[in-house]
Amino acid sequence: MNYREEARRLLRESDDPHQWRARLLALRAREWSERMSAAPELAARPPFVRDWLLWQARVKDADGR
């Protein structure tokens, strides 16, 4: 799933900003859950380390590296 494309689709489909925000948060939670299940070694790390590693992965995905 491409997070950015899905977020753009949600923005186009929803007129209510509160509904859009809730759906976007659910999408981010699903993305986080998928990444955690794909990398069990991340689940054992402290939350701030997980967040930093996930942020790095998102930046690499966006840069295409």
Protein backbone atom coordinates (compact mmCIF):
# COMPACT_ATOMS: atom_id res chain seq x y z
CA MET A 1 0.00 0.00 0.00
CA ASN A 2 1.29 3.43 -0.90
CA TYR A 3 0.53 5.69 2.06
CA ARG A 4 0.68 8.97 0.12
CA GLU A 5 -1.62 7.82 -2.67
CA GLU A 6 -4.11 6.47 -0.16
CA ALA A 7 -4.03 9.75 1.80
CA ARG A 8 -4.68 11.75 -1.38
CA ARG A 9 -7.59 9.46 -2.25
CA LEU A 10 -9.07 9.95 1.22
CA LEU A 11 -8.78 13.72 0.88
CA ARG A 12 -10.55 13.69 -2.50
CA GLU A 13 -13.37 11.44 -1.25
CA SER A 14 -14.15 13.16 2.04
CA ASP A 15 -15.80 16.56 2.49
CA ASP A 16 -15.65 16.47 6.28
CA PRO A 17 -12.15 17.28 7.65
CA HIS A 18 -12.87 15.43 10.92
CA GLN A 19 -13.83 12.27 9.05
CA TRP A 20 -10.75 12.62 6.83
CA ARG A 21 -8.49 13.02 9.86
CA ALA A 22 -9.95 9.93 11.55
CA ARG A 23 -9.56 7.85 8.39
CA LEU A 24 -5.99 9.10 7.92
CA LEU A 25 -5.10 8.16 11.50
CA ALA A 26 -6.57 4.70 10.92
CA LEU A 27 -4.51 4.41 7.74
CA ARG A 28 -1.32 5.38 9.58
CA ALA A 29 -2.09 2.88 12.34
CA ARG A 30 -2.59 0.15 9.75
CA GLU A 31 0.71 1.10 8.06
CA TRP A 32 2.50 1.00 11.43
CA SER A 33 0.96 -2.39 12.24
CA GLU A 34 2.02 -3.81 8.86
CA ARG A 35 5.58 -2.60 9.33
CA MET A 36 5.72 -4.03 12.86
CA SER A 37 4.47 -7.44 11.72
CA ALA A 38 6.94 -7.43 8.82
CA ALA A 39 9.85 -6.62 11.13
CA PRO A 40 9.44 -8.37 14.51
CA GLU A 41 12.84 -7.08 15.65
CA LEU A 42 11.33 -3.57 15.66
CA ALA A 43 8.57 -4.62 18.05
CA ALA A 44 11.16 -5.43 20.72
CA ARG A 45 12.68 -1.94 20.59
CA PRO A 46 11.66 1.03 22.75
CA PRO A 47 8.95 3.21 21.16
CA PHE A 48 11.23 6.16 20.34
CA VAL A 49 13.67 3.86 18.52
CA ARG A 50 10.81 2.23 16.58
CA ASP A 51 9.45 5.63 15.58
CA TRP A 52 12.88 6.79 14.42
CA LEU A 53 13.49 3.60 12.40
CA LEU A 54 10.02 3.78 10.83
CA TRP A 55 10.59 7.44 9.97
CA GLN A 56 13.88 6.51 8.26
CA ALA A 57 12.12 3.77 6.29
CA ARG A 58 9.42 6.23 5.18
CA VAL A 59 12.06 8.76 4.05
CA LYS A 60 13.88 6.06 2.09
CA ASP A 61 10.58 4.97 0.48
CA ALA A 62 9.84 8.57 -0.51
CA ASP A 63 13.32 9.11 -1.93
CA GLY A 64 13.19 5.83 -3.83
CA ARG A 65 16.38 4.52 -2.24
